[in-house]
Amino acid sequence: MLEKSLEKIADTILSLDEASLTSLWEKYKKRMERFEPSREWERAVIVFFIINAVRAKNQIFNDQIMKKRDGKPAAPKAPKAGPILRRVK
């Protein structure tokens, strides 16, 4: 039952537009950085990491498509001024 629930959540997330999610990234990043022991804060952390997961999935997907199309490994891209991941304790 848990696995089915997670798969349903994943299907829902996969139907969302990355551009729309990315537009919310800063909002949830700021909310996550303002810690408070509340359900709302926990929800913000989950949303923030969901947005990052979709962005990472799309990057991996695009790199693999390019690699298969070109027949060679994709060249590493220059780092963007995007999110910097850091460990949160």
N, C-alpha and C. Protein backbone atom coordinates (compact mmCIF):
# COMPACT_ATOMS: atom_id res chain seq x y z
N MET A 1 0.83 -1.19 0.00
CA MET A 1 0.00 0.00 0.00
C MET A 1 0.88 1.27 0.00
N LEU A 2 1.93 1.26 0.79
CA LEU A 2 2.83 2.40 0.84
C LEU A 2 3.47 2.64 -0.52
N GLU A 3 3.92 1.56 -1.15
CA GLU A 3 4.56 1.68 -2.46
C GLU A 3 3.59 2.25 -3.50
N LYS A 4 2.36 1.79 -3.49
CA LYS A 4 1.35 2.31 -4.42
C LYS A 4 1.11 3.79 -4.18
N SER A 5 1.08 4.20 -2.92
CA SER A 5 0.88 5.61 -2.60
C SER A 5 2.03 6.46 -3.12
N LEU A 6 3.26 5.98 -2.93
CA LEU A 6 4.43 6.71 -3.40
C LEU A 6 4.45 6.80 -4.93
N GLU A 7 4.06 5.72 -5.59
CA GLU A 7 4.01 5.74 -7.05
C GLU A 7 2.96 6.71 -7.56
N LYS A 8 1.85 6.81 -6.87
CA LYS A 8 0.79 7.76 -7.25
C LYS A 8 1.30 9.20 -7.07
N ILE A 9 2.01 9.45 -5.98
CA ILE A 9 2.60 10.77 -5.75
C ILE A 9 3.60 11.08 -6.87
N ALA A 10 4.44 10.10 -7.23
CA ALA A 10 5.42 10.30 -8.29
C ALA A 10 4.74 10.61 -9.62
N ASP A 11 3.66 9.91 -9.94
CA ASP A 11 2.92 10.19 -11.18
C ASP A 11 2.37 11.61 -11.18
N THR A 12 1.86 12.05 -10.04
CA THR A 12 1.33 13.41 -9.95
C THR A 12 2.45 14.42 -10.15
N ILE A 13 3.59 14.19 -9.52
CA ILE A 13 4.73 15.11 -9.64
C ILE A 13 5.24 15.14 -11.08
N LEU A 14 5.30 13.98 -11.73
CA LEU A 14 5.78 13.92 -13.11
C LEU A 14 4.88 14.68 -14.07
N SER A 15 3.64 14.89 -13.70
CA SER A 15 2.73 15.63 -14.58
C SER A 15 2.88 17.15 -14.43
N LEU A 16 3.67 17.59 -13.47
CA LEU A 16 3.87 19.02 -13.25
C LEU A 16 4.94 19.57 -14.18
N ASP A 17 4.80 20.83 -14.53
CA ASP A 17 5.72 21.51 -15.43
C ASP A 17 6.94 21.99 -14.66
N GLU A 18 8.14 21.67 -15.17
CA GLU A 18 9.37 22.05 -14.48
C GLU A 18 9.49 23.57 -14.34
N ALA A 19 9.11 24.30 -15.37
CA ALA A 19 9.22 25.77 -15.30
C ALA A 19 8.35 26.33 -14.18
N SER A 20 7.17 25.79 -14.03
CA SER A 20 6.28 26.24 -12.95
C SER A 20 6.87 25.89 -11.59
N LEU A 21 7.42 24.69 -11.48
CA LEU A 21 8.05 24.28 -10.23
C LEU A 21 9.25 25.16 -9.91
N THR A 22 10.07 25.42 -10.92
CA THR A 22 11.27 26.22 -10.72
C THR A 22 10.92 27.63 -10.24
N SER A 23 9.80 28.14 -10.70
CA SER A 23 9.39 29.49 -10.27
C SER A 23 9.07 29.53 -8.77
N LEU A 24 8.81 28.37 -8.19
CA LEU A 24 8.50 28.29 -6.75
C LEU A 24 9.73 27.97 -5.90
N TRP A 25 10.85 27.66 -6.54
CA TRP A 25 12.04 27.20 -5.84
C TRP A 25 12.50 28.19 -4.77
N GLU A 26 12.62 29.47 -5.12
CA GLU A 26 13.11 30.49 -4.18
C GLU A 26 12.17 30.63 -2.97
N LYS A 27 10.88 30.60 -3.23
CA LYS A 27 9.89 30.72 -2.15
C LYS A 27 10.09 29.61 -1.11
N TYR A 28 10.20 28.38 -1.59
CA TYR A 28 10.33 27.26 -0.65
C TYR A 28 11.71 27.19 -0.04
N LYS A 29 12.72 27.65 -0.73
CA LYS A 29 14.07 27.72 -0.16
C LYS A 29 14.07 28.66 1.04
N LYS A 30 13.49 29.84 0.84
CA LYS A 30 13.44 30.81 1.94
C LYS A 30 12.62 30.28 3.11
N ARG A 31 11.51 29.64 2.79
CA ARG A 31 10.65 29.09 3.85
C ARG A 31 11.37 27.99 4.62
N MET A 32 12.11 27.18 3.91
CA MET A 32 12.83 26.08 4.55
C MET A 32 13.93 26.62 5.46
N GLU A 33 14.58 27.70 5.05
CA GLU A 33 15.67 28.28 5.83
C GLU A 33 15.19 28.93 7.12
N ARG A 34 13.91 29.26 7.21
CA ARG A 34 13.34 29.84 8.44
C ARG A 34 12.75 28.71 9.28
N PHE A 35 13.61 28.01 9.95
CA PHE A 35 13.17 26.84 10.71
C PHE A 35 12.18 27.21 11.80
N GLU A 36 11.19 26.36 11.91
CA GLU A 36 10.30 26.35 13.06
C GLU A 36 9.74 24.94 13.16
N PRO A 37 9.54 24.46 14.36
CA PRO A 37 9.05 23.08 14.52
C PRO A 37 7.56 23.00 14.22
N SER A 38 7.22 23.03 12.93
CA SER A 38 5.81 22.99 12.54
C SER A 38 5.61 22.10 11.32
N ARG A 39 4.39 21.69 11.14
CA ARG A 39 4.03 20.88 9.98
C ARG A 39 4.24 21.68 8.68
N GLU A 40 3.99 22.98 8.72
CA GLU A 40 4.16 23.83 7.54
C GLU A 40 5.62 23.87 7.10
N TRP A 41 6.54 23.98 8.08
CA TRP A 41 7.96 23.98 7.75
C TRP A 41 8.35 22.64 7.13
N GLU A 42 7.89 21.55 7.72
CA GLU A 42 8.20 20.22 7.20
C GLU A 42 7.69 20.08 5.77
N ARG A 43 6.49 20.56 5.50
CA ARG A 43 5.91 20.51 4.17
C ARG A 43 6.77 21.32 3.19
N ALA A 44 7.23 22.49 3.61
CA ALA A 44 8.07 23.34 2.76
C ALA A 44 9.37 22.62 2.39
N VAL A 45 9.97 21.91 3.34
CA VAL A 45 11.20 21.16 3.07
C VAL A 45 10.94 20.08 2.02
N ILE A 46 9.85 19.36 2.17
CA ILE A 46 9.50 18.30 1.22
C ILE A 46 9.27 18.88 -0.17
N VAL A 47 8.53 19.99 -0.26
CA VAL A 47 8.27 20.63 -1.55
C VAL A 47 9.58 21.09 -2.19
N PHE A 48 10.46 21.69 -1.39
CA PHE A 48 11.75 22.16 -1.90
C PHE A 48 12.53 21.01 -2.52
N PHE A 49 12.59 19.88 -1.85
CA PHE A 49 13.34 18.75 -2.37
C PHE A 49 12.64 18.06 -3.53
N ILE A 50 11.33 18.12 -3.59
CA ILE A 50 10.61 17.61 -4.75
C ILE A 50 10.98 18.43 -5.99
N ILE A 51 10.99 19.77 -5.83
CA ILE A 51 11.37 20.64 -6.95
C ILE A 51 12.79 20.31 -7.40
N ASN A 52 13.72 20.15 -6.47
CA ASN A 52 15.09 19.79 -6.82
C ASN A 52 15.16 18.42 -7.48
N ALA A 53 14.35 17.49 -7.03
CA ALA A 53 14.35 16.14 -7.61
C ALA A 53 13.88 16.18 -9.06
N VAL A 54 12.86 16.95 -9.35
CA VAL A 54 12.36 17.06 -10.73
C VAL A 54 13.43 17.71 -11.61
N ARG A 55 14.08 18.75 -11.10
CA ARG A 55 15.12 19.41 -11.88
C ARG A 55 16.29 18.46 -12.15
N ALA A 56 16.70 17.70 -11.14
CA ALA A 56 17.79 16.74 -11.32
C ALA A 56 17.39 15.63 -12.29
N LYS A 57 16.19 15.13 -12.16
CA LYS A 57 15.70 14.08 -13.07
C LYS A 57 15.71 14.57 -14.50
N ASN A 58 15.25 15.78 -14.73
CA ASN A 58 15.22 16.33 -16.09
C ASN A 58 16.63 16.53 -16.64
N GLN A 59 17.55 16.96 -15.80
CA GLN A 59 18.94 17.14 -16.24
C GLN A 59 19.55 15.81 -16.65
N ILE A 60 19.36 14.80 -15.83
CA ILE A 60 19.89 13.46 -16.14
C ILE A 60 19.25 12.93 -17.42
N PHE A 61 17.94 13.09 -17.54
CA PHE A 61 17.21 12.64 -18.71
C PHE A 61 17.76 13.30 -19.97
N ASN A 62 17.88 14.63 -19.94
CA ASN A 62 18.38 15.36 -21.10
C ASN A 62 19.82 14.98 -21.45
N ASP A 63 20.67 14.81 -20.45
CA ASP A 63 22.05 14.40 -20.70
C ASP A 63 22.09 13.02 -21.37
N GLN A 64 21.27 12.10 -20.91
CA GLN A 64 21.25 10.76 -21.49
C GLN A 64 20.73 10.77 -22.93
N ILE A 65 19.73 11.58 -23.20
CA ILE A 65 19.20 11.70 -24.56
C ILE A 65 20.28 12.25 -25.49
N MET A 66 20.98 13.30 -25.02
CA MET A 66 22.06 13.88 -25.83
C MET A 66 23.18 12.86 -26.07
N LYS A 67 23.51 12.10 -25.05
CA LYS A 67 24.58 11.11 -25.17
C LYS A 67 24.20 10.05 -26.21
N LYS A 68 22.96 9.59 -26.17
CA LYS A 68 22.51 8.58 -27.13
C LYS A 68 22.43 9.15 -28.54
N ARG A 69 22.00 10.40 -28.65
CA ARG A 69 21.87 11.02 -29.96
C ARG A 69 23.23 11.25 -30.60
N ASP A 70 24.18 11.71 -29.82
CA ASP A 70 25.51 12.01 -30.34
C ASP A 70 26.42 10.78 -30.39
N GLY A 71 26.06 9.76 -29.67
CA GLY A 71 26.91 8.58 -29.61
C GLY A 71 28.14 8.77 -28.76
N LYS A 72 28.16 9.82 -27.96
CA LYS A 72 29.30 10.08 -27.08
C LYS A 72 28.79 10.72 -25.80
N PRO A 73 29.62 10.70 -24.75
CA PRO A 73 29.19 11.30 -23.49
C PRO A 73 28.94 12.81 -23.63
N ALA A 74 27.94 13.28 -22.92
CA ALA A 74 27.65 14.71 -22.92
C ALA A 74 28.76 15.45 -22.20
N ALA A 75 29.14 16.58 -22.74
CA ALA A 75 30.20 17.40 -22.12
C ALA A 75 29.65 18.01 -20.85
N PRO A 76 30.47 18.08 -19.81
CA PRO A 76 29.99 18.72 -18.58
C PRO A 76 29.68 20.19 -18.83
N LYS A 77 28.60 20.62 -18.24
CA LYS A 77 28.18 22.00 -18.41
C LYS A 77 28.79 22.88 -17.34
N ALA A 78 28.97 24.14 -17.68
CA ALA A 78 29.46 25.11 -16.70
C ALA A 78 28.40 25.25 -15.61
N PRO A 79 28.82 25.39 -14.36
CA PRO A 79 27.85 25.53 -13.28
C PRO A 79 27.00 26.78 -13.47
N LYS A 80 25.72 26.60 -13.19
CA LYS A 80 24.79 27.73 -13.26
C LYS A 80 24.79 28.45 -11.92
N ALA A 81 24.18 29.60 -11.94
CA ALA A 81 24.03 30.36 -10.70
C ALA A 81 22.81 29.86 -9.95
N GLY A 82 22.43 28.62 -10.19
CA GLY A 82 21.24 28.03 -9.59
C GLY A 82 21.48 27.59 -8.16
N PRO A 83 20.71 26.61 -7.74
CA PRO A 83 20.77 26.19 -6.34
C PRO A 83 22.09 25.55 -5.97
N ILE A 84 22.52 25.84 -4.78
CA ILE A 84 23.70 25.20 -4.20
C ILE A 84 23.17 24.28 -3.11
N LEU A 85 23.39 23.00 -3.29
CA LEU A 85 22.88 22.06 -2.31
C LEU A 85 23.83 21.99 -1.13
N ARG A 86 23.26 21.96 0.03
CA ARG A 86 24.10 21.84 1.22
C ARG A 86 23.35 20.97 2.22
N ARG A 87 24.10 20.37 3.06
CA ARG A 87 23.54 19.48 4.06
C ARG A 87 22.86 20.29 5.14
N VAL A 88 21.62 19.93 5.46
CA VAL A 88 20.85 20.60 6.50
C VAL A 88 20.69 19.62 7.64
N LYS A 89 21.15 20.01 8.81
CA LYS A 89 21.04 19.12 9.98
C LYS A 89 19.83 19.46 10.77
